[in-house]
Amino acid sequence: MTTLSNNAAQMLQQQIIDGRLGSGSMLPGQRALAASMGISRASLREAISMLEALGMVRSQPGKGVIVTSGKARPESELPAGPASVPAAEVFEFREVIEPAAAAMAARRMAPRDASRLWSLHAELEQAIAHGDLVGASEADLAFHLLVSEMSGNQPMQQAALQFRPHLAYSLRLPFADHTRIGETAAEHQRITLAITSGNPEAARAAMLAHLHHSADRAGLRMDGQ
């Protein structure tokens, strides 16, 4: 997500948190809203897409964008992701790649990497504590990209970077259920503990469990759940 879009998402999120945009209210028209925020309509659409994945707004064709209350969504109500790839397929891809990356990261873990992982975990916890789902999802994305980097496997790192828009989208979906947003931080903590203690099998298992729980929070079911 571009900085302009991220800033716009943060501004709209704050208006929702403050109650200036209450649940059930409609956002102003995109042309007027983009002009008032000093950004392009393309950047605004990107911000709205992020908020929609986070469950804070919902686009209604022909009507506009409505503010929603955070609650679990069935798979049929999930917003479309990049290139219209179904969310279930994104999670299936992650199930193949990320547990292996976590195991490799544990085998090759360096002290500097441990500090970076714990720092991102702290950012995630702080954002969740303040109800900042935009910030939480960005910290979440940075965490998963760092695990792929720590794997030390170049094809795996490149796949994660090329897959970044899909990864970011799938990471936002579980935050829509506001009753369970703290679970992500608890799961990241278990992943971080396993990686930084140099335990590949525990890291693999912790990442796989995280993916299954995340899919469940997003309203999806994965094989083996």
C-alpha atoms as a PDB file:
ATOM      1  CA  MET A   1       0.000   0.000   0.000  1.00  0.00           C
ATOM      2  CA  THR A   2       1.315   3.463  -0.872  1.00  0.00           C
ATOM      3  CA  THR A   3       2.020   5.991   1.875  1.00  0.00           C
ATOM      4  CA  LEU A   4      -0.811   8.218   0.640  1.00  0.00           C
ATOM      5  CA  SER A   5      -3.286   5.362   0.754  1.00  0.00           C
ATOM      6  CA  ASN A   6      -2.042   4.244   4.154  1.00  0.00           C
ATOM      7  CA  ASN A   7      -2.428   7.785   5.529  1.00  0.00           C
ATOM      8  CA  ALA A   8      -5.926   8.019   4.066  1.00  0.00           C
ATOM      9  CA  ALA A   9      -6.872   4.670   5.624  1.00  0.00           C
ATOM     10  CA  GLN A  10      -5.553   5.884   8.977  1.00  0.00           C
ATOM     11  CA  MET A  11      -7.559   9.122   8.725  1.00  0.00           C
ATOM     12  CA  LEU A  12     -10.791   7.321   7.878  1.00  0.00           C
ATOM     13  CA  GLN A  13     -10.152   4.731  10.575  1.00  0.00           C
ATOM     14  CA  GLN A  14      -9.726   7.509  13.151  1.00  0.00           C
ATOM     15  CA  GLN A  15     -13.034   9.072  12.124  1.00  0.00           C
ATOM     16  CA  ILE A  16     -14.698   5.693  12.609  1.00  0.00           C
ATOM     17  CA  ILE A  17     -13.062   5.218  16.015  1.00  0.00           C
ATOM     18  CA  ASP A  18     -14.046   8.741  17.077  1.00  0.00           C
ATOM     19  CA  GLY A  19     -17.644   8.173  16.005  1.00  0.00           C
ATOM     20  CA  ARG A  20     -17.595  10.882  13.368  1.00  0.00           C
ATOM     21  CA  LEU A  21     -18.381   8.066  10.948  1.00  0.00           C
ATOM     22  CA  GLY A  22     -20.752   5.831  12.868  1.00  0.00           C
ATOM     23  CA  SER A  23     -21.764   2.288  12.030  1.00  0.00           C
ATOM     24  CA  GLY A  24     -24.340   2.350   9.251  1.00  0.00           C
ATOM     25  CA  SER A  25     -23.346   5.755   7.924  1.00  0.00           C
ATOM     26  CA  MET A  26     -22.218   6.277   4.333  1.00  0.00           C
ATOM     27  CA  LEU A  27     -18.858   7.701   3.354  1.00  0.00           C
ATOM     28  CA  PRO A  28     -19.028  10.879   1.251  1.00  0.00           C
ATOM     29  CA  GLY A  29     -18.755  10.401  -2.522  1.00  0.00           C
ATOM     30  CA  GLN A  30     -15.266   9.369  -3.571  1.00  0.00           C
ATOM     31  CA  ARG A  31     -14.625  12.456  -5.703  1.00  0.00           C
ATOM     32  CA  ALA A  32     -15.497  14.840  -2.874  1.00  0.00           C
ATOM     33  CA  LEU A  33     -13.775  12.719  -0.244  1.00  0.00           C
ATOM     34  CA  ALA A  34     -10.555  12.430  -2.263  1.00  0.00           C
ATOM     35  CA  ALA A  35     -10.535  16.187  -2.830  1.00  0.00           C
ATOM     36  CA  SER A  36     -11.072  16.911   0.865  1.00  0.00           C
ATOM     37  CA  MET A  37      -8.173  14.607   1.778  1.00  0.00           C
ATOM     38  CA  GLY A  38      -5.899  15.952  -0.952  1.00  0.00           C
ATOM     39  CA  ILE A  39      -5.322  12.591  -2.605  1.00  0.00           C
ATOM     40  CA  SER A  40      -6.203  10.968  -5.912  1.00  0.00           C
ATOM     41  CA  ARG A  41      -9.281   8.811  -6.274  1.00  0.00           C
ATOM     42  CA  ALA A  42      -6.983   5.866  -6.994  1.00  0.00           C
ATOM     43  CA  SER A  43      -5.250   6.323  -3.631  1.00  0.00           C
ATOM     44  CA  LEU A  44      -8.617   6.667  -1.912  1.00  0.00           C
ATOM     45  CA  ARG A  45      -9.901   3.480  -3.521  1.00  0.00           C
ATOM     46  CA  GLU A  46      -6.804   1.667  -2.267  1.00  0.00           C
ATOM     47  CA  ALA A  47      -7.451   2.973   1.266  1.00  0.00           C
ATOM     48  CA  ILE A  48     -11.110   1.934   1.135  1.00  0.00           C
ATOM     49  CA  SER A  49     -10.089  -1.511  -0.118  1.00  0.00           C
ATOM     50  CA  MET A  50      -7.826  -1.897   2.910  1.00  0.00           C
ATOM     51  CA  LEU A  51     -10.567  -0.817   5.315  1.00  0.00           C
ATOM     52  CA  GLU A  52     -13.015  -3.169   3.626  1.00  0.00           C
ATOM     53  CA  ALA A  53     -10.686  -6.141   4.082  1.00  0.00           C
ATOM     54  CA  LEU A  54     -10.351  -5.112   7.754  1.00  0.00           C
ATOM     55  CA  GLY A  55     -14.135  -5.188   8.088  1.00  0.00           C
ATOM     56  CA  MET A  56     -14.513  -1.474   8.820  1.00  0.00           C
ATOM     57  CA  VAL A  57     -16.474  -0.561   5.695  1.00  0.00           C
ATOM     58  CA  ARG A  58     -18.397  -2.366   2.956  1.00  0.00           C
ATOM     59  CA  SER A  59     -18.826  -1.296  -0.658  1.00  0.00           C
ATOM     60  CA  GLN A  60     -22.396  -1.434  -1.936  1.00  0.00           C
ATOM     61  CA  PRO A  61     -22.559  -1.298  -5.750  1.00  0.00           C
ATOM     62  CA  GLY A  62     -24.640   1.632  -6.931  1.00  0.00           C
ATOM     63  CA  LYS A  63     -24.973   3.040  -3.406  1.00  0.00           C
ATOM     64  CA  GLY A  64     -21.533   3.813  -2.034  1.00  0.00           C
ATOM     65  CA  VAL A  65     -19.449   2.734   0.950  1.00  0.00           C
ATOM     66  CA  ILE A  66     -21.062   2.039   4.327  1.00  0.00           C
ATOM     67  CA  VAL A  67     -19.350   1.925   7.736  1.00  0.00           C
ATOM     68  CA  THR A  68     -19.773  -1.484   9.383  1.00  0.00           C
ATOM     69  CA  SER A  69     -19.376  -2.820  12.899  1.00  0.00           C
ATOM     70  CA  GLY A  70     -16.590  -5.345  13.374  1.00  0.00           C
ATOM     71  CA  LYS A  71     -17.934  -8.868  13.315  1.00  0.00           C
ATOM     72  CA  ALA A  72     -17.188 -12.246  11.771  1.00  0.00           C
ATOM     73  CA  ARG A  73     -18.071 -12.610   8.076  1.00  0.00           C
ATOM     74  CA  PRO A  74     -18.973 -15.721   6.112  1.00  0.00           C
ATOM     75  CA  GLU A  75     -16.751 -16.563   3.149  1.00  0.00           C
ATOM     76  CA  SER A  76     -19.473 -15.399   0.753  1.00  0.00           C
ATOM     77  CA  GLU A  77     -19.167 -11.833   2.116  1.00  0.00           C
ATOM     78  CA  LEU A  78     -15.401 -11.488   1.902  1.00  0.00           C
ATOM     79  CA  PRO A  79     -14.264  -8.643  -0.370  1.00  0.00           C
ATOM     80  CA  ALA A  80     -12.347  -9.581  -3.493  1.00  0.00           C
ATOM     81  CA  GLY A  81      -8.585  -9.667  -3.233  1.00  0.00           C
ATOM     82  CA  PRO A  82      -5.876  -8.695  -5.751  1.00  0.00           C
ATOM     83  CA  ALA A  83      -6.589 -10.055  -9.235  1.00  0.00           C
ATOM     84  CA  SER A  84      -9.768 -11.577  -7.772  1.00  0.00           C
ATOM     85  CA  VAL A  85      -7.834 -14.540  -6.354  1.00  0.00           C
ATOM     86  CA  PRO A  86     -10.140 -16.233  -3.796  1.00  0.00           C
ATOM     87  CA  ALA A  87      -9.065 -15.801  -0.181  1.00  0.00           C
ATOM     88  CA  ALA A  88      -9.156 -19.571   0.345  1.00  0.00           C
ATOM     89  CA  GLU A  89      -6.553 -20.068  -2.387  1.00  0.00           C
ATOM     90  CA  VAL A  90      -4.311 -17.422  -0.868  1.00  0.00           C
ATOM     91  CA  PHE A  91      -4.397 -19.235   2.467  1.00  0.00           C
ATOM     92  CA  GLU A  92      -3.715 -22.569   0.731  1.00  0.00           C
ATOM     93  CA  PHE A  93      -0.604 -21.067  -0.859  1.00  0.00           C
ATOM     94  CA  ARG A  94       0.528 -19.651   2.469  1.00  0.00           C
ATOM     95  CA  GLU A  95       0.028 -23.053   4.121  1.00  0.00           C
ATOM     96  CA  VAL A  96       2.599 -24.522   1.732  1.00  0.00           C
ATOM     97  CA  ILE A  97       5.197 -21.751   1.986  1.00  0.00           C
ATOM     98  CA  GLU A  98       5.106 -20.127   5.423  1.00  0.00           C
ATOM     99  CA  PRO A  99       5.524 -23.089   7.807  1.00  0.00           C
ATOM    100  CA  ALA A 100       8.626 -24.088   5.821  1.00  0.00           C
ATOM    101  CA  ALA A 101       9.933 -20.514   5.982  1.00  0.00           C
ATOM    102  CA  ALA A 102       9.434 -20.429   9.750  1.00  0.00           C
ATOM    103  CA  ALA A 103      11.341 -23.705  10.168  1.00  0.00           C
ATOM    104  CA  MET A 104      14.231 -22.415   8.025  1.00  0.00           C
ATOM    105  CA  ALA A 105      14.260 -19.152   9.978  1.00  0.00           C
ATOM    106  CA  ALA A 106      14.596 -21.089  13.235  1.00  0.00           C
ATOM    107  CA  ARG A 107      17.544 -23.083  11.851  1.00  0.00           C
ATOM    108  CA  ARG A 108      19.317 -19.958  10.608  1.00  0.00           C
ATOM    109  CA  MET A 109      18.272 -17.480  13.289  1.00  0.00           C
ATOM    110  CA  ALA A 110      20.774 -14.731  14.206  1.00  0.00           C
ATOM    111  CA  PRO A 111      20.603 -12.491  17.320  1.00  0.00           C
ATOM    112  CA  ARG A 112      19.902  -9.420  15.172  1.00  0.00           C
ATOM    113  CA  ASP A 113      16.927 -11.186  13.601  1.00  0.00           C
ATOM    114  CA  ALA A 114      15.513 -12.076  17.017  1.00  0.00           C
ATOM    115  CA  SER A 115      15.509  -8.403  17.984  1.00  0.00           C
ATOM    116  CA  ARG A 116      13.724  -7.447  14.768  1.00  0.00           C
ATOM    117  CA  LEU A 117      11.048 -10.104  15.258  1.00  0.00           C
ATOM    118  CA  TRP A 118      10.342  -9.064  18.837  1.00  0.00           C
ATOM    119  CA  SER A 119      10.215  -5.409  17.795  1.00  0.00           C
ATOM    120  CA  LEU A 120       7.554  -6.135  15.178  1.00  0.00           C
ATOM    121  CA  HIS A 121       5.635  -8.219  17.700  1.00  0.00           C
ATOM    122  CA  ALA A 122       5.651  -5.239  20.089  1.00  0.00           C
ATOM    123  CA  GLU A 123       4.395  -2.951  17.292  1.00  0.00           C
ATOM    124  CA  LEU A 124       1.538  -5.348  16.606  1.00  0.00           C
ATOM    125  CA  GLU A 125       0.555  -5.545  20.275  1.00  0.00           C
ATOM    126  CA  GLN A 126       0.640  -1.770  20.654  1.00  0.00           C
ATOM    127  CA  ALA A 127      -1.477  -1.194  17.551  1.00  0.00           C
ATOM    128  CA  ILE A 128      -4.067  -3.740  18.693  1.00  0.00           C
ATOM    129  CA  ALA A 129      -4.191  -2.177  22.160  1.00  0.00           C
ATOM    130  CA  HIS A 130      -5.041   1.187  20.568  1.00  0.00           C
ATOM    131  CA  GLY A 131      -7.616  -0.259  18.174  1.00  0.00           C
ATOM    132  CA  ASP A 132      -5.397   0.683  15.227  1.00  0.00           C
ATOM    133  CA  LEU A 133      -6.222  -2.119  12.811  1.00  0.00           C
ATOM    134  CA  VAL A 134      -4.489  -0.373   9.909  1.00  0.00           C
ATOM    135  CA  GLY A 135      -1.246  -0.229  11.891  1.00  0.00           C
ATOM    136  CA  ALA A 136      -1.739  -3.764  13.195  1.00  0.00           C
ATOM    137  CA  SER A 137      -2.143  -5.172   9.698  1.00  0.00           C
ATOM    138  CA  GLU A 138       0.985  -3.343   8.526  1.00  0.00           C
ATOM    139  CA  ALA A 139       3.011  -4.731  11.449  1.00  0.00           C
ATOM    140  CA  ASP A 140       1.536  -8.154  10.697  1.00  0.00           C
ATOM    141  CA  LEU A 141       2.690  -7.931   7.081  1.00  0.00           C
ATOM    142  CA  ALA A 142       6.176  -6.797   8.078  1.00  0.00           C
ATOM    143  CA  PHE A 143       6.426  -9.753  10.491  1.00  0.00           C
ATOM    144  CA  HIS A 144       5.562 -12.349   7.850  1.00  0.00           C
ATOM    145  CA  LEU A 145       7.893 -10.783   5.285  1.00  0.00           C
ATOM    146  CA  LEU A 146      10.704 -10.812   7.853  1.00  0.00           C
ATOM    147  CA  VAL A 147      10.167 -14.516   8.535  1.00  0.00           C
ATOM    148  CA  SER A 148      10.527 -15.199   4.803  1.00  0.00           C
ATOM    149  CA  GLU A 149      13.697 -13.079   4.748  1.00  0.00           C
ATOM    150  CA  MET A 150      15.077 -14.943   7.758  1.00  0.00           C
ATOM    151  CA  SER A 151      14.566 -18.250   5.940  1.00  0.00           C
ATOM    152  CA  GLY A 152      17.691 -17.412   3.954  1.00  0.00           C
ATOM    153  CA  ASN A 153      16.113 -19.000   0.895  1.00  0.00           C
ATOM    154  CA  GLN A 154      16.141 -16.610  -2.065  1.00  0.00           C
ATOM    155  CA  PRO A 155      13.297 -18.185  -4.097  1.00  0.00           C
ATOM    156  CA  MET A 156      11.138 -18.180  -0.974  1.00  0.00           C
ATOM    157  CA  GLN A 157      11.926 -14.519  -0.304  1.00  0.00           C
ATOM    158  CA  GLN A 158      11.174 -13.590  -3.903  1.00  0.00           C
ATOM    159  CA  ALA A 159       7.882 -15.485  -3.813  1.00  0.00           C
ATOM    160  CA  ALA A 160       6.848 -13.613  -0.675  1.00  0.00           C
ATOM    161  CA  LEU A 161       7.699 -10.234  -2.212  1.00  0.00           C
ATOM    162  CA  GLN A 162       5.901 -11.005  -5.485  1.00  0.00           C
ATOM    163  CA  PHE A 163       2.977 -12.319  -3.477  1.00  0.00           C
ATOM    164  CA  ARG A 164       2.964  -9.277  -1.167  1.00  0.00           C
ATOM    165  CA  PRO A 165      -0.407  -7.750  -2.256  1.00  0.00           C
ATOM    166  CA  HIS A 166      -2.160 -11.098  -1.801  1.00  0.00           C
ATOM    167  CA  LEU A 167      -0.386 -11.682   1.517  1.00  0.00           C
ATOM    168  CA  ALA A 168      -1.368  -8.225   2.784  1.00  0.00           C
ATOM    169  CA  TYR A 169      -4.989  -8.818   1.780  1.00  0.00           C
ATOM    170  CA  SER A 170      -5.166 -12.191   3.538  1.00  0.00           C
ATOM    171  CA  LEU A 171      -3.612 -10.754   6.702  1.00  0.00           C
ATOM    172  CA  ARG A 172      -6.279  -8.051   6.955  1.00  0.00           C
ATOM    173  CA  LEU A 173      -9.282 -10.360   6.692  1.00  0.00           C
ATOM    174  CA  PRO A 174      -8.983 -11.935  10.184  1.00  0.00           C
ATOM    175  CA  PHE A 175      -9.073  -8.505  11.865  1.00  0.00           C
ATOM    176  CA  ALA A 176     -12.688  -8.014  10.750  1.00  0.00           C
ATOM    177  CA  ASP A 177     -13.840 -10.037  13.774  1.00  0.00           C
ATOM    178  CA  HIS A 178     -13.085  -7.443  16.452  1.00  0.00           C
ATOM    179  CA  THR A 179     -13.829  -9.909  19.253  1.00  0.00           C
ATOM    180  CA  ARG A 180     -10.752 -11.956  18.318  1.00  0.00           C
ATOM    181  CA  ILE A 181      -8.149  -9.399  17.255  1.00  0.00           C
ATOM    182  CA  GLY A 182      -5.885 -10.234  20.210  1.00  0.00           C
ATOM    183  CA  GLU A 183      -5.399 -13.791  18.978  1.00  0.00           C
ATOM    184  CA  THR A 184      -3.031 -12.715  16.210  1.00  0.00           C
ATOM    185  CA  ALA A 185      -0.554 -11.249  18.701  1.00  0.00           C
ATOM    186  CA  ALA A 186      -0.664 -14.366  20.887  1.00  0.00           C
ATOM    187  CA  GLU A 187       0.019 -16.571  17.874  1.00  0.00           C
ATOM    188  CA  HIS A 188       2.863 -14.334  16.673  1.00  0.00           C
ATOM    189  CA  GLN A 189       4.384 -14.609  20.125  1.00  0.00           C
ATOM    190  CA  ARG A 190       4.425 -18.418  19.887  1.00  0.00           C
ATOM    191  CA  ILE A 191       5.992 -18.240  16.417  1.00  0.00           C
ATOM    192  CA  THR A 192       8.634 -15.794  17.621  1.00  0.00           C
ATOM    193  CA  LEU A 193       9.482 -17.878  20.677  1.00  0.00           C
ATOM    194  CA  ALA A 194       9.922 -20.988  18.530  1.00  0.00           C
ATOM    195  CA  ILE A 195      12.076 -19.238  15.925  1.00  0.00           C
ATOM    196  CA  THR A 196      14.281 -17.361  18.398  1.00  0.00           C
ATOM    197  CA  SER A 197      14.828 -20.507  20.466  1.00  0.00           C
ATOM    198  CA  GLY A 198      16.091 -22.259  17.321  1.00  0.00           C
ATOM    199  CA  ASN A 199      13.364 -24.915  17.261  1.00  0.00           C
ATOM    200  CA  PRO A 200      12.433 -25.588  13.602  1.00  0.00           C
ATOM    201  CA  GLU A 201       9.642 -28.092  14.253  1.00  0.00           C
ATOM    202  CA  ALA A 202       7.993 -25.881  16.866  1.00  0.00           C
ATOM    203  CA  ALA A 203       8.265 -22.912  14.491  1.00  0.00           C
ATOM    204  CA  ARG A 204       6.688 -24.909  11.665  1.00  0.00           C
ATOM    205  CA  ALA A 205       3.845 -26.072  13.918  1.00  0.00           C
ATOM    206  CA  ALA A 206       3.256 -22.592  15.371  1.00  0.00           C
ATOM    207  CA  MET A 207       3.060 -21.017  11.914  1.00  0.00           C
ATOM    208  CA  LEU A 208       0.714 -23.704  10.625  1.00  0.00           C
ATOM    209  CA  ALA A 209      -1.578 -23.286  13.642  1.00  0.00           C
ATOM    210  CA  HIS A 210      -1.529 -19.518  13.123  1.00  0.00           C
ATOM    211  CA  LEU A 211      -2.611 -19.925   9.497  1.00  0.00           C
ATOM    212  CA  HIS A 212      -5.473 -22.242  10.452  1.00  0.00           C
ATOM    213  CA  HIS A 213      -6.689 -19.912  13.198  1.00  0.00           C
ATOM    214  CA  SER A 214      -6.338 -16.872  10.927  1.00  0.00           C
ATOM    215  CA  ALA A 215      -8.393 -18.577   8.231  1.00  0.00           C
ATOM    216  CA  ASP A 216     -11.058 -19.384  10.804  1.00  0.00           C
ATOM    217  CA  ARG A 217     -11.186 -15.759  11.960  1.00  0.00           C
ATOM    218  CA  ALA A 218     -11.521 -14.727   8.320  1.00  0.00           C
ATOM    219  CA  GLY A 219     -14.526 -17.011   7.881  1.00  0.00           C
ATOM    220  CA  LEU A 220     -12.677 -19.748   5.974  1.00  0.00           C
ATOM    221  CA  ARG A 221     -12.081 -23.410   6.596  1.00  0.00           C
ATOM    222  CA  MET A 222      -8.813 -25.103   5.655  1.00  0.00           C
ATOM    223  CA  ASP A 223      -8.141 -28.819   5.175  1.00  0.00           C
ATOM    224  CA  GLY A 224      -7.157 -30.390   8.454  1.00  0.00           C
ATOM    225  CA  GLN A 225      -9.131 -27.966  10.629  1.00  0.00           C
END
